[in-house]
Amino acid sequence: MKRLVIVTLFCLAEFSLHGQQLPLYSQYLYNKYLINPAVAGSDGYTSFNLTARDQWAGIEGAPKIFSISLQSRVLKRGSIVKMMANDKTVYRPPNDGKMGFGGAIFSNSSGLINRTGLQASYSYHFWLNGSKQLSFGLSFNGYYLKIDQNRINMVDQSDPILNSTLKRGVFVPDFSTGIYLLHRKYSIGFSAEQVMQAGLKLFNNAYSEYSLKRHYYLFGTYSIESGANHEIRPSFLFKMSEQLMPQAEAGLTYQYKQSFWTGVSYRSGKTVIANLGVRSGRLYIGYAIDLTLSELQSISNGTHEITIAVKYGDSLRKFRWIDRY
């Protein structure tokens, strides 16, 4: 119970200090839509993704994340990828199929705080110079925030937490926006979450300063190919809140025949992340483990994250060269 209280106080402190208020994902490269709405439909596939994350396993009340997402693109006819007589690859983008969409249902718990919500996204894609695709995206996000009264035993029944809207639950609407640039060799994206900075009014007027702060994400990848079967992909992710609390992550992933991948990355705050995954037809399965180099590791079994995806789309109507899994 003591650890549960500590985790809960830490989560509440995040609101008061305006720190990191959004979930972390170790396998964001394989479902960038979770952090940028412009990604929805960018690769032309219809994708179903499931992500489950158990943070600081072994500690009671530690954050747990679960999400199911869908993204696709409205295509009337596909792009053409063909080989010329001189073995030069030519990409002919479609004149239509510029709209994409996405949706997600998620559930997060941290200490005594539960958050359940949904996301609906619209994206627009167009081509630059025939080889680069620029995408814009907008998402409506809404979630229900509530404290788990079944796991709390307050000595003082007049405590403001037990007499707040958080006890009954409160619906928080917001939206996010993003931009995404793709090329056969690289990709880069920027997004802003919790744009409205919705005020929660958790307790009473004395706590009116509690609010959700904007979060910004900047990420990029670059593809280094060796023949037709091997690829090395360096990547980076930079996150920052409205209160200038930055977090950076840099990694390196190796991929073989688009059927197997493994990688390692380092996140500021003394965290090392290892991941691996396999593909079988339309099915993709990935696993990541976060190991902190701080004292927290002595009481935790690490952070575990599983991603399962199913992708639909044949080679003629989809953009196979973009954002390969």
C-alpha atoms as a PDB file:
ATOM      1  CA  MET A   1       0.000   0.000   0.000  1.00  0.00           C
ATOM      2  CA  LYS A   2       2.891   2.334   0.766  1.00  0.00           C
ATOM      3  CA  ARG A   3       4.235   1.994  -2.781  1.00  0.00           C
ATOM      4  CA  LEU A   4       0.754   2.594  -4.195  1.00  0.00           C
ATOM      5  CA  VAL A   5       0.478   5.861  -2.263  1.00  0.00           C
ATOM      6  CA  ILE A   6       3.931   6.929  -3.444  1.00  0.00           C
ATOM      7  CA  VAL A   7       3.044   6.260  -7.097  1.00  0.00           C
ATOM      8  CA  THR A   8      -0.275   8.075  -6.711  1.00  0.00           C
ATOM      9  CA  LEU A   9       1.364  11.124  -5.157  1.00  0.00           C
ATOM     10  CA  PHE A  10       3.882  11.097  -7.977  1.00  0.00           C
ATOM     11  CA  CYS A  11       1.088  11.060 -10.572  1.00  0.00           C
ATOM     12  CA  LEU A  12      -0.744  13.905  -8.827  1.00  0.00           C
ATOM     13  CA  ALA A  13       2.510  15.825  -8.603  1.00  0.00           C
ATOM     14  CA  GLU A  14       2.809  15.559 -12.383  1.00  0.00           C
ATOM     15  CA  PHE A  15      -0.372  17.623 -12.696  1.00  0.00           C
ATOM     16  CA  SER A  16       0.765  20.216 -10.180  1.00  0.00           C
ATOM     17  CA  LEU A  17       4.247  20.533 -11.659  1.00  0.00           C
ATOM     18  CA  HIS A  18       2.924  20.332 -15.237  1.00  0.00           C
ATOM     19  CA  GLY A  19       5.322  17.514 -16.083  1.00  0.00           C
ATOM     20  CA  GLN A  20       4.889  14.586 -18.459  1.00  0.00           C
ATOM     21  CA  GLN A  21       1.147  13.885 -18.499  1.00  0.00           C
ATOM     22  CA  LEU A  22       0.914  11.602 -21.549  1.00  0.00           C
ATOM     23  CA  PRO A  23       1.804   7.912 -21.915  1.00  0.00           C
ATOM     24  CA  LEU A  24       5.236   6.780 -23.039  1.00  0.00           C
ATOM     25  CA  TYR A  25       5.583   4.287 -25.894  1.00  0.00           C
ATOM     26  CA  SER A  26       8.793   2.358 -26.539  1.00  0.00           C
ATOM     27  CA  GLN A  27       7.664   1.062 -29.968  1.00  0.00           C
ATOM     28  CA  TYR A  28       6.348   4.334 -31.376  1.00  0.00           C
ATOM     29  CA  LEU A  29       8.269   3.660 -34.624  1.00  0.00           C
ATOM     30  CA  TYR A  30       5.848   0.856 -35.455  1.00  0.00           C
ATOM     31  CA  ASN A  31       2.720   2.884 -34.798  1.00  0.00           C
ATOM     32  CA  LYS A  32       3.578   6.575 -35.094  1.00  0.00           C
ATOM     33  CA  TYR A  33      -0.110   7.372 -35.275  1.00  0.00           C
ATOM     34  CA  LEU A  34      -0.205   7.167 -31.460  1.00  0.00           C
ATOM     35  CA  ILE A  35       1.862  10.364 -31.260  1.00  0.00           C
ATOM     36  CA  ASN A  36       1.039  12.102 -34.566  1.00  0.00           C
ATOM     37  CA  PRO A  37      -2.413  12.212 -36.261  1.00  0.00           C
ATOM     38  CA  ALA A  38      -0.868  13.101 -39.641  1.00  0.00           C
ATOM     39  CA  VAL A  39       0.469   9.532 -39.888  1.00  0.00           C
ATOM     40  CA  ALA A  40      -3.076   8.156 -40.326  1.00  0.00           C
ATOM     41  CA  GLY A  41      -3.207   6.483 -43.744  1.00  0.00           C
ATOM     42  CA  SER A  42       0.205   7.796 -44.798  1.00  0.00           C
ATOM     43  CA  ASP A  43       1.514   4.371 -45.848  1.00  0.00           C
ATOM     44  CA  GLY A  44      -1.674   3.488 -47.738  1.00  0.00           C
ATOM     45  CA  TYR A  45      -2.345   0.379 -45.683  1.00  0.00           C
ATOM     46  CA  THR A  46      -5.319  -0.379 -43.488  1.00  0.00           C
ATOM     47  CA  SER A  47      -3.780  -1.168 -40.107  1.00  0.00           C
ATOM     48  CA  PHE A  48      -5.180  -2.499 -36.851  1.00  0.00           C
ATOM     49  CA  ASN A  49      -2.828  -2.058 -33.897  1.00  0.00           C
ATOM     50  CA  LEU A  50      -2.981  -3.246 -30.311  1.00  0.00           C
ATOM     51  CA  THR A  51      -0.500  -1.941 -27.721  1.00  0.00           C
ATOM     52  CA  ALA A  52      -0.196  -3.037 -24.093  1.00  0.00           C
ATOM     53  CA  ARG A  53       2.380  -1.529 -21.743  1.00  0.00           C
ATOM     54  CA  ASP A  54       3.169  -2.480 -18.142  1.00  0.00           C
ATOM     55  CA  GLN A  55       5.442   0.197 -16.709  1.00  0.00           C
ATOM     56  CA  TRP A  56       7.664  -0.529 -13.685  1.00  0.00           C
ATOM     57  CA  ALA A  57       6.349  -4.082 -13.413  1.00  0.00           C
ATOM     58  CA  GLY A  58       6.225  -5.373  -9.856  1.00  0.00           C
ATOM     59  CA  ILE A  59       5.311  -2.028  -8.285  1.00  0.00           C
ATOM     60  CA  GLU A  60       1.714  -1.725  -7.132  1.00  0.00           C
ATOM     61  CA  GLY A  61      -0.114   1.130  -8.821  1.00  0.00           C
ATOM     62  CA  ALA A  62       2.536   1.659 -11.509  1.00  0.00           C
ATOM     63  CA  PRO A  63       1.294   2.986 -14.886  1.00  0.00           C
ATOM     64  CA  LYS A  64      -0.430   0.552 -17.235  1.00  0.00           C
ATOM     65  CA  ILE A  65      -1.433   1.439 -20.800  1.00  0.00           C
ATOM     66  CA  PHE A  66      -3.715  -0.319 -23.291  1.00  0.00           C
ATOM     67  CA  SER A  67      -4.773   0.975 -26.698  1.00  0.00           C
ATOM     68  CA  ILE A  68      -6.443  -0.266 -29.877  1.00  0.00           C
ATOM     69  CA  SER A  69      -6.079   1.839 -33.010  1.00  0.00           C
ATOM     70  CA  LEU A  70      -7.163   1.756 -36.651  1.00  0.00           C
ATOM     71  CA  GLN A  71      -5.858   3.825 -39.536  1.00  0.00           C
ATOM     72  CA  SER A  72      -6.437   3.735 -43.268  1.00  0.00           C
ATOM     73  CA  ARG A  73      -6.631   5.773 -46.446  1.00  0.00           C
ATOM     74  CA  VAL A  74      -9.410   6.464 -48.919  1.00  0.00           C
ATOM     75  CA  LEU A  75      -8.017   5.251 -52.245  1.00  0.00           C
ATOM     76  CA  LYS A  76      -9.851   5.024 -55.568  1.00  0.00           C
ATOM     77  CA  ARG A  77      -6.834   3.654 -57.383  1.00  0.00           C
ATOM     78  CA  GLY A  78      -3.315   2.932 -56.279  1.00  0.00           C
ATOM     79  CA  SER A  79       0.143   4.175 -56.915  1.00  0.00           C
ATOM     80  CA  ILE A  80       2.272   2.311 -59.427  1.00  0.00           C
ATOM     81  CA  VAL A  81       5.678   0.927 -58.524  1.00  0.00           C
ATOM     82  CA  LYS A  82       7.461  -0.525 -61.540  1.00  0.00           C
ATOM     83  CA  MET A  83      10.954  -1.343 -62.758  1.00  0.00           C
ATOM     84  CA  MET A  84      12.248   0.190 -65.963  1.00  0.00           C
ATOM     85  CA  ALA A  85      14.516  -1.603 -68.435  1.00  0.00           C
ATOM     86  CA  ASN A  86      17.561   0.002 -66.815  1.00  0.00           C
ATOM     87  CA  ASP A  87      16.523  -1.363 -63.372  1.00  0.00           C
ATOM     88  CA  LYS A  88      15.595   2.114 -62.213  1.00  0.00           C
ATOM     89  CA  THR A  89      12.576   2.195 -59.917  1.00  0.00           C
ATOM     90  CA  VAL A  90       9.860   4.693 -60.830  1.00  0.00           C
ATOM     91  CA  TYR A  91       7.182   5.788 -58.376  1.00  0.00           C
ATOM     92  CA  ARG A  92       4.013   7.236 -59.823  1.00  0.00           C
ATOM     93  CA  PRO A  93       1.825   8.669 -57.063  1.00  0.00           C
ATOM     94  CA  PRO A  94      -1.961   8.607 -57.469  1.00  0.00           C
ATOM     95  CA  ASN A  95      -3.926  11.697 -58.381  1.00  0.00           C
ATOM     96  CA  ASP A  96      -6.560  10.874 -55.789  1.00  0.00           C
ATOM     97  CA  GLY A  97      -6.629   9.087 -52.460  1.00  0.00           C
ATOM     98  CA  LYS A  98      -5.430  12.094 -50.487  1.00  0.00           C
ATOM     99  CA  MET A  99      -7.589  11.574 -47.398  1.00  0.00           C
ATOM    100  CA  GLY A 100      -6.751   9.366 -44.449  1.00  0.00           C
ATOM    101  CA  PHE A 101      -8.470   8.632 -41.176  1.00  0.00           C
ATOM    102  CA  GLY A 102      -7.738   6.986 -37.874  1.00  0.00           C
ATOM    103  CA  GLY A 103      -9.278   6.130 -34.546  1.00  0.00           C
ATOM    104  CA  ALA A 104      -8.182   4.789 -31.185  1.00  0.00           C
ATOM    105  CA  ILE A 105      -9.599   3.624 -27.878  1.00  0.00           C
ATOM    106  CA  PHE A 106      -7.272   3.722 -24.897  1.00  0.00           C
ATOM    107  CA  SER A 107      -7.164   3.084 -21.183  1.00  0.00           C
ATOM    108  CA  ASN A 108      -4.412   4.301 -18.854  1.00  0.00           C
ATOM    109  CA  SER A 109      -4.044   3.846 -15.114  1.00  0.00           C
ATOM    110  CA  SER A 110      -1.443   5.445 -12.833  1.00  0.00           C
ATOM    111  CA  GLY A 111      -1.744   4.888  -9.118  1.00  0.00           C
ATOM    112  CA  LEU A 112      -5.328   5.703  -8.210  1.00  0.00           C
ATOM    113  CA  ILE A 113      -6.028   7.637 -11.401  1.00  0.00           C
ATOM    114  CA  ASN A 114      -7.827   5.970 -14.328  1.00  0.00           C
ATOM    115  CA  ARG A 115      -8.173   7.530 -17.758  1.00  0.00           C
ATOM    116  CA  THR A 116     -10.312   5.992 -20.510  1.00  0.00           C
ATOM    117  CA  GLY A 117     -10.928   7.714 -23.808  1.00  0.00           C
ATOM    118  CA  LEU A 118     -11.044   7.796 -27.579  1.00  0.00           C
ATOM    119  CA  GLN A 119      -9.394   9.555 -30.491  1.00  0.00           C
ATOM    120  CA  ALA A 120     -10.728  10.300 -33.984  1.00  0.00           C
ATOM    121  CA  SER A 121      -8.397  11.667 -36.673  1.00  0.00           C
ATOM    122  CA  TYR A 122      -8.467  13.107 -40.181  1.00  0.00           C
ATOM    123  CA  SER A 123      -5.364  13.448 -42.354  1.00  0.00           C
ATOM    124  CA  TYR A 124      -4.614  14.932 -45.762  1.00  0.00           C
ATOM    125  CA  HIS A 125      -1.697  13.765 -47.939  1.00  0.00           C
ATOM    126  CA  PHE A 126      -0.141  15.224 -51.069  1.00  0.00           C
ATOM    127  CA  TRP A 127       3.040  14.675 -53.023  1.00  0.00           C
ATOM    128  CA  LEU A 128       6.054  16.964 -53.381  1.00  0.00           C
ATOM    129  CA  ASN A 129       8.242  16.528 -56.483  1.00  0.00           C
ATOM    130  CA  GLY A 130       6.799  13.077 -57.023  1.00  0.00           C
ATOM    131  CA  SER A 131       9.022  11.404 -54.409  1.00  0.00           C
ATOM    132  CA  LYS A 132       8.110  12.985 -51.068  1.00  0.00           C
ATOM    133  CA  GLN A 133       4.757  12.945 -49.333  1.00  0.00           C
ATOM    134  CA  LEU A 134       3.640  15.697 -46.976  1.00  0.00           C
ATOM    135  CA  SER A 135       0.782  14.978 -44.573  1.00  0.00           C
ATOM    136  CA  PHE A 136      -1.284  17.090 -42.198  1.00  0.00           C
ATOM    137  CA  GLY A 137      -3.455  15.657 -39.453  1.00  0.00           C
ATOM    138  CA  LEU A 138      -5.998  16.717 -36.847  1.00  0.00           C
ATOM    139  CA  SER A 139      -7.448  14.630 -33.995  1.00  0.00           C
ATOM    140  CA  PHE A 140     -10.284  15.078 -31.558  1.00  0.00           C
ATOM    141  CA  ASN A 141      -9.438  13.493 -28.224  1.00  0.00           C
ATOM    142  CA  GLY A 142     -11.725  12.965 -25.285  1.00  0.00           C
ATOM    143  CA  TYR A 143     -11.333  10.928 -22.146  1.00  0.00           C
ATOM    144  CA  TYR A 144     -12.971  10.224 -18.832  1.00  0.00           C
ATOM    145  CA  LEU A 145     -10.730  10.875 -15.802  1.00  0.00           C
ATOM    146  CA  LYS A 146     -11.579   9.329 -12.451  1.00  0.00           C
ATOM    147  CA  ILE A 147      -9.984   8.291  -9.159  1.00  0.00           C
ATOM    148  CA  ASP A 148     -10.322   4.627  -8.112  1.00  0.00           C
ATOM    149  CA  GLN A 149     -12.117   4.889  -4.767  1.00  0.00           C
ATOM    150  CA  ASN A 150     -11.969   1.137  -4.201  1.00  0.00           C
ATOM    151  CA  ARG A 151      -8.200   1.334  -3.724  1.00  0.00           C
ATOM    152  CA  ILE A 152      -8.003   4.292  -1.370  1.00  0.00           C
ATOM    153  CA  ASN A 153      -8.595   4.583   2.359  1.00  0.00           C
ATOM    154  CA  MET A 154      -8.406   8.183   3.522  1.00  0.00           C
ATOM    155  CA  VAL A 155      -8.073   8.861   7.248  1.00  0.00           C
ATOM    156  CA  ASP A 156      -9.550  12.314   6.749  1.00  0.00           C
ATOM    157  CA  GLN A 157     -12.898  11.907   5.009  1.00  0.00           C
ATOM    158  CA  SER A 158     -13.013  15.666   4.397  1.00  0.00           C
ATOM    159  CA  ASP A 159      -9.918  15.487   2.200  1.00  0.00           C
ATOM    160  CA  PRO A 160     -10.536  17.615  -0.938  1.00  0.00           C
ATOM    161  CA  ILE A 161      -9.689  14.666  -3.192  1.00  0.00           C
ATOM    162  CA  LEU A 162     -12.746  12.757  -1.939  1.00  0.00           C
ATOM    163  CA  ASN A 163     -14.993  15.768  -2.473  1.00  0.00           C
ATOM    164  CA  SER A 164     -13.944  16.691  -5.976  1.00  0.00           C
ATOM    165  CA  THR A 165     -15.178  16.108  -9.505  1.00  0.00           C
ATOM    166  CA  LEU A 166     -12.320  13.645  -9.828  1.00  0.00           C
ATOM    167  CA  LYS A 167     -14.154  11.348  -7.402  1.00  0.00           C
ATOM    168  CA  ARG A 168     -17.236  11.303  -9.622  1.00  0.00           C
ATOM    169  CA  GLY A 169     -15.246  11.437 -12.831  1.00  0.00           C
ATOM    170  CA  VAL A 170     -14.863  14.222 -15.370  1.00  0.00           C
ATOM    171  CA  PHE A 171     -14.860  14.195 -19.191  1.00  0.00           C
ATOM    172  CA  VAL A 172     -11.981  16.158 -20.720  1.00  0.00           C
ATOM    173  CA  PRO A 173     -12.197  17.152 -24.432  1.00  0.00           C
ATOM    174  CA  ASP A 174      -9.125  18.229 -26.371  1.00  0.00           C
ATOM    175  CA  PHE A 175      -7.461  17.933 -29.767  1.00  0.00           C
ATOM    176  CA  SER A 176      -4.052  17.355 -31.314  1.00  0.00           C
ATOM    177  CA  THR A 177      -2.451  18.237 -34.626  1.00  0.00           C
ATOM    178  CA  GLY A 178       0.593  17.170 -36.606  1.00  0.00           C
ATOM    179  CA  ILE A 179       2.637  17.295 -39.792  1.00  0.00           C
ATOM    180  CA  TYR A 180       4.529  14.399 -41.361  1.00  0.00           C
ATOM    181  CA  LEU A 181       7.060  14.271 -44.231  1.00  0.00           C
ATOM    182  CA  LEU A 182       7.960  10.947 -45.845  1.00  0.00           C
ATOM    183  CA  HIS A 183      10.556   9.901 -48.368  1.00  0.00           C
ATOM    184  CA  ARG A 184      11.864   6.506 -49.391  1.00  0.00           C
ATOM    185  CA  LYS A 185      14.986   7.100 -47.286  1.00  0.00           C
ATOM    186  CA  TYR A 186      13.724   9.179 -44.371  1.00  0.00           C
ATOM    187  CA  SER A 187      10.750  10.479 -42.425  1.00  0.00           C
ATOM    188  CA  ILE A 188      10.235  13.323 -39.999  1.00  0.00           C
ATOM    189  CA  GLY A 189       7.201  14.412 -38.002  1.00  0.00           C
ATOM    190  CA  PHE A 190       6.106  17.093 -35.563  1.00  0.00           C
ATOM    191  CA  SER A 191       2.944  17.099 -33.465  1.00  0.00           C
ATOM    192  CA  ALA A 192       1.275  18.927 -30.593  1.00  0.00           C
ATOM    193  CA  GLU A 193      -0.947  17.130 -28.059  1.00  0.00           C
ATOM    194  CA  GLN A 194      -3.457  18.552 -25.560  1.00  0.00           C
ATOM    195  CA  VAL A 195      -3.631  21.789 -27.543  1.00  0.00           C
ATOM    196  CA  MET A 196      -6.580  23.163 -25.554  1.00  0.00           C
ATOM    197  CA  GLN A 197      -4.768  22.714 -22.214  1.00  0.00           C
ATOM    198  CA  ALA A 198      -8.077  21.807 -20.632  1.00  0.00           C
ATOM    199  CA  GLY A 199      -8.468  22.811 -17.002  1.00  0.00           C
ATOM    200  CA  LEU A 200      -9.419  19.877 -14.802  1.00  0.00           C
ATOM    201  CA  LYS A 201     -10.709  21.657 -11.683  1.00  0.00           C
ATOM    202  CA  LEU A 202      -9.828  18.532  -9.753  1.00  0.00           C
ATOM    203  CA  PHE A 203     -10.747  19.656  -6.276  1.00  0.00           C
ATOM    204  CA  ASN A 204     -12.212  23.132  -5.806  1.00  0.00           C
ATOM    205  CA  ASN A 205     -11.510  26.723  -6.783  1.00  0.00           C
ATOM    206  CA  ALA A 206      -8.329  26.701  -4.712  1.00  0.00           C
ATOM    207  CA  TYR A 207      -6.891  24.167  -7.186  1.00  0.00           C
ATOM    208  CA  SER A 208      -7.945  25.915 -10.364  1.00  0.00           C
ATOM    209  CA  GLU A 209      -4.331  26.061 -11.587  1.00  0.00           C
ATOM    210  CA  TYR A 210      -4.396  22.314 -12.298  1.00  0.00           C
ATOM    211  CA  SER A 211      -4.551  21.789 -16.037  1.00  0.00           C
ATOM    212  CA  LEU A 212      -3.250  19.659 -18.856  1.00  0.00           C
ATOM    213  CA  LYS A 213      -0.316  21.205 -20.656  1.00  0.00           C
ATOM    214  CA  ARG A 214       0.591  21.036 -24.322  1.00  0.00           C
ATOM    215  CA  HIS A 215       3.121  18.409 -25.287  1.00  0.00           C
ATOM    216  CA  TYR A 216       5.263  18.541 -28.422  1.00  0.00           C
ATOM    217  CA  TYR A 217       6.809  15.616 -30.291  1.00  0.00           C
ATOM    218  CA  LEU A 218       9.559  15.745 -32.906  1.00  0.00           C
ATOM    219  CA  PHE A 219      10.775  12.467 -34.408  1.00  0.00           C
ATOM    220  CA  GLY A 220      12.755  11.301 -37.396  1.00  0.00           C
ATOM    221  CA  THR A 221      14.127   8.162 -39.054  1.00  0.00           C
ATOM    222  CA  TYR A 222      16.674   7.448 -41.779  1.00  0.00           C
ATOM    223  CA  SER A 223      17.046   4.245 -43.792  1.00  0.00           C
ATOM    224  CA  ILE A 224      20.468   2.790 -44.626  1.00  0.00           C
ATOM    225  CA  GLU A 225      19.979  -0.176 -46.978  1.00  0.00           C
ATOM    226  CA  SER A 226      22.470  -2.931 -47.712  1.00  0.00           C
ATOM    227  CA  GLY A 227      21.225  -4.939 -50.650  1.00  0.00           C
ATOM    228  CA  ALA A 228      17.600  -5.995 -50.840  1.00  0.00           C
ATOM    229  CA  ASN A 229      17.410  -7.754 -47.479  1.00  0.00           C
ATOM    230  CA  HIS A 230      19.194  -5.667 -44.876  1.00  0.00           C
ATOM    231  CA  GLU A 231      18.351  -2.266 -43.468  1.00  0.00           C
ATOM    232  CA  ILE A 232      19.697  -0.201 -40.575  1.00  0.00           C
ATOM    233  CA  ARG A 233      17.498   2.613 -39.338  1.00  0.00           C
ATOM    234  CA  PRO A 234      18.721   5.279 -36.904  1.00  0.00           C
ATOM    235  CA  SER A 235      15.942   7.243 -35.212  1.00  0.00           C
ATOM    236  CA  PHE A 236      15.328   9.982 -32.685  1.00  0.00           C
ATOM    237  CA  LEU A 237      12.441  11.310 -30.625  1.00  0.00           C
ATOM    238  CA  PHE A 238      12.327  14.612 -28.750  1.00  0.00           C
ATOM    239  CA  LYS A 239       9.440  15.420 -26.405  1.00  0.00           C
ATOM    240  CA  MET A 240       8.760  18.614 -24.494  1.00  0.00           C
ATOM    241  CA  SER A 241       5.872  19.964 -22.463  1.00  0.00           C
ATOM    242  CA  GLU A 242       4.628  23.548 -22.256  1.00  0.00           C
ATOM    243  CA  GLN A 243       6.676  23.882 -19.065  1.00  0.00           C
ATOM    244  CA  LEU A 244       9.952  23.043 -20.854  1.00  0.00           C
ATOM    245  CA  MET A 245      10.527  19.579 -19.399  1.00  0.00           C
ATOM    246  CA  PRO A 246      12.318  17.900 -22.347  1.00  0.00           C
ATOM    247  CA  GLN A 247      12.975  14.226 -22.895  1.00  0.00           C
ATOM    248  CA  ALA A 248      15.101  12.814 -25.714  1.00  0.00           C
ATOM    249  CA  GLU A 249      15.479   9.338 -27.175  1.00  0.00           C
ATOM    250  CA  ALA A 250      17.896   7.993 -29.797  1.00  0.00           C
ATOM    251  CA  GLY A 251      17.958   4.486 -31.233  1.00  0.00           C
ATOM    252  CA  LEU A 252      19.195   2.109 -33.908  1.00  0.00           C
ATOM    253  CA  THR A 253      17.115  -0.661 -35.516  1.00  0.00           C
ATOM    254  CA  TYR A 254      18.212  -3.506 -37.778  1.00  0.00           C
ATOM    255  CA  GLN A 255      15.666  -5.086 -40.138  1.00  0.00           C
ATOM    256  CA  TYR A 256      15.964  -8.225 -42.256  1.00  0.00           C
ATOM    257  CA  LYS A 257      13.673  -8.797 -45.256  1.00  0.00           C
ATOM    258  CA  GLN A 258      10.915  -6.758 -43.604  1.00  0.00           C
ATOM    259  CA  SER A 259      10.255  -9.959 -41.630  1.00  0.00           C
ATOM    260  CA  PHE A 260      12.452  -9.522 -38.547  1.00  0.00           C
ATOM    261  CA  TRP A 261      13.731  -6.482 -36.694  1.00  0.00           C
ATOM    262  CA  THR A 262      15.620  -5.742 -33.505  1.00  0.00           C
ATOM    263  CA  GLY A 263      16.944  -2.549 -31.988  1.00  0.00           C
ATOM    264  CA  VAL A 264      18.183  -0.650 -28.985  1.00  0.00           C
ATOM    265  CA  SER A 265      17.689   2.934 -27.856  1.00  0.00           C
ATOM    266  CA  TYR A 266      18.507   5.223 -24.963  1.00  0.00           C
ATOM    267  CA  ARG A 267      16.035   7.586 -23.333  1.00  0.00           C
ATOM    268  CA  SER A 268      17.130  10.519 -21.200  1.00  0.00           C
ATOM    269  CA  GLY A 269      16.476   9.757 -17.563  1.00  0.00           C
ATOM    270  CA  LYS A 270      18.805   6.741 -17.632  1.00  0.00           C
ATOM    271  CA  THR A 271      16.611   4.268 -19.517  1.00  0.00           C
ATOM    272  CA  VAL A 272      17.819   1.647 -22.023  1.00  0.00           C
ATOM    273  CA  ILE A 273      15.223   0.103 -24.361  1.00  0.00           C
ATOM    274  CA  ALA A 274      15.600  -3.145 -26.305  1.00  0.00           C
ATOM    275  CA  ASN A 275      13.031  -4.333 -28.832  1.00  0.00           C
ATOM    276  CA  LEU A 276      12.491  -7.095 -31.361  1.00  0.00           C
ATOM    277  CA  GLY A 277       9.723  -8.174 -33.686  1.00  0.00           C
ATOM    278  CA  VAL A 278       8.659 -10.590 -36.388  1.00  0.00           C
ATOM    279  CA  ARG A 279       6.296 -10.537 -39.318  1.00  0.00           C
ATOM    280  CA  SER A 280       4.263 -13.422 -40.732  1.00  0.00           C
ATOM    281  CA  GLY A 281       2.145 -12.388 -43.716  1.00  0.00           C
ATOM    282  CA  ARG A 282      -0.164  -9.626 -42.537  1.00  0.00           C
ATOM    283  CA  LEU A 283       0.605 -10.163 -38.850  1.00  0.00           C
ATOM    284  CA  TYR A 284       3.277  -8.155 -36.998  1.00  0.00           C
ATOM    285  CA  ILE A 285       4.307  -8.802 -33.392  1.00  0.00           C
ATOM    286  CA  GLY A 286       6.758  -6.661 -31.436  1.00  0.00           C
ATOM    287  CA  TYR A 287       8.102  -6.671 -27.888  1.00  0.00           C
ATOM    288  CA  ALA A 288      10.122  -4.058 -26.001  1.00  0.00           C
ATOM    289  CA  ILE A 289      11.636  -3.931 -22.528  1.00  0.00           C
ATOM    290  CA  ASP A 290      12.744  -0.757 -20.734  1.00  0.00           C
ATOM    291  CA  LEU A 291      15.460  -1.047 -18.117  1.00  0.00           C
ATOM    292  CA  THR A 292      16.167   1.976 -15.964  1.00  0.00           C
ATOM    293  CA  LEU A 293      19.685   2.592 -14.689  1.00  0.00           C
ATOM    294  CA  SER A 294      18.363   4.338 -11.584  1.00  0.00           C
ATOM    295  CA  GLU A 295      17.522   2.914  -8.153  1.00  0.00           C
ATOM    296  CA  LEU A 296      13.980   2.233  -9.384  1.00  0.00           C
ATOM    297  CA  GLN A 297      15.254  -0.910 -11.142  1.00  0.00           C
ATOM    298  CA  SER A 298      16.030  -2.513  -7.755  1.00  0.00           C
ATOM    299  CA  ILE A 299      12.307  -2.669  -6.894  1.00  0.00           C
ATOM    300  CA  SER A 300      10.949  -3.094 -10.416  1.00  0.00           C
ATOM    301  CA  ASN A 301      11.092  -5.853 -13.031  1.00  0.00           C
ATOM    302  CA  GLY A 302      11.414  -3.351 -15.843  1.00  0.00           C
ATOM    303  CA  THR A 303       8.817  -2.018 -18.265  1.00  0.00           C
ATOM    304  CA  HIS A 304       7.279  -4.391 -20.804  1.00  0.00           C
ATOM    305  CA  GLU A 305       5.429  -3.438 -23.978  1.00  0.00           C
ATOM    306  CA  ILE A 306       3.764  -5.649 -26.592  1.00  0.00           C
ATOM    307  CA  THR A 307       2.513  -4.493 -29.978  1.00  0.00           C
ATOM    308  CA  ILE A 308       0.377  -6.588 -32.331  1.00  0.00           C
ATOM    309  CA  ALA A 309      -0.601  -5.286 -35.764  1.00  0.00           C
ATOM    310  CA  VAL A 310      -2.507  -6.554 -38.786  1.00  0.00           C
ATOM    311  CA  LYS A 311      -2.083  -4.778 -42.129  1.00  0.00           C
ATOM    312  CA  TYR A 312      -4.208  -5.103 -45.253  1.00  0.00           C
ATOM    313  CA  GLY A 313      -3.383  -3.853 -48.746  1.00  0.00           C
ATOM    314  CA  ASP A 314      -1.926  -5.343 -51.914  1.00  0.00           C
ATOM    315  CA  SER A 315       1.285  -4.167 -53.542  1.00  0.00           C
ATOM    316  CA  LEU A 316      -0.378  -2.398 -56.487  1.00  0.00           C
ATOM    317  CA  ARG A 317      -2.623  -0.024 -54.602  1.00  0.00           C
ATOM    318  CA  LYS A 318      -0.368   0.676 -51.609  1.00  0.00           C
ATOM    319  CA  PHE A 319       2.809   2.630 -51.132  1.00  0.00           C
ATOM    320  CA  ARG A 320       5.159  -0.218 -50.240  1.00  0.00           C
ATOM    321  CA  TRP A 321       8.231   2.005 -50.114  1.00  0.00           C
ATOM    322  CA  ILE A 322       6.853   4.302 -47.411  1.00  0.00           C
ATOM    323  CA  ASP A 323       7.304   3.732 -43.705  1.00  0.00           C
ATOM    324  CA  ARG A 324       7.977   0.031 -43.876  1.00  0.00           C
ATOM    325  CA  TYR A 325       7.128  -1.808 -40.671  1.00  0.00           C
END
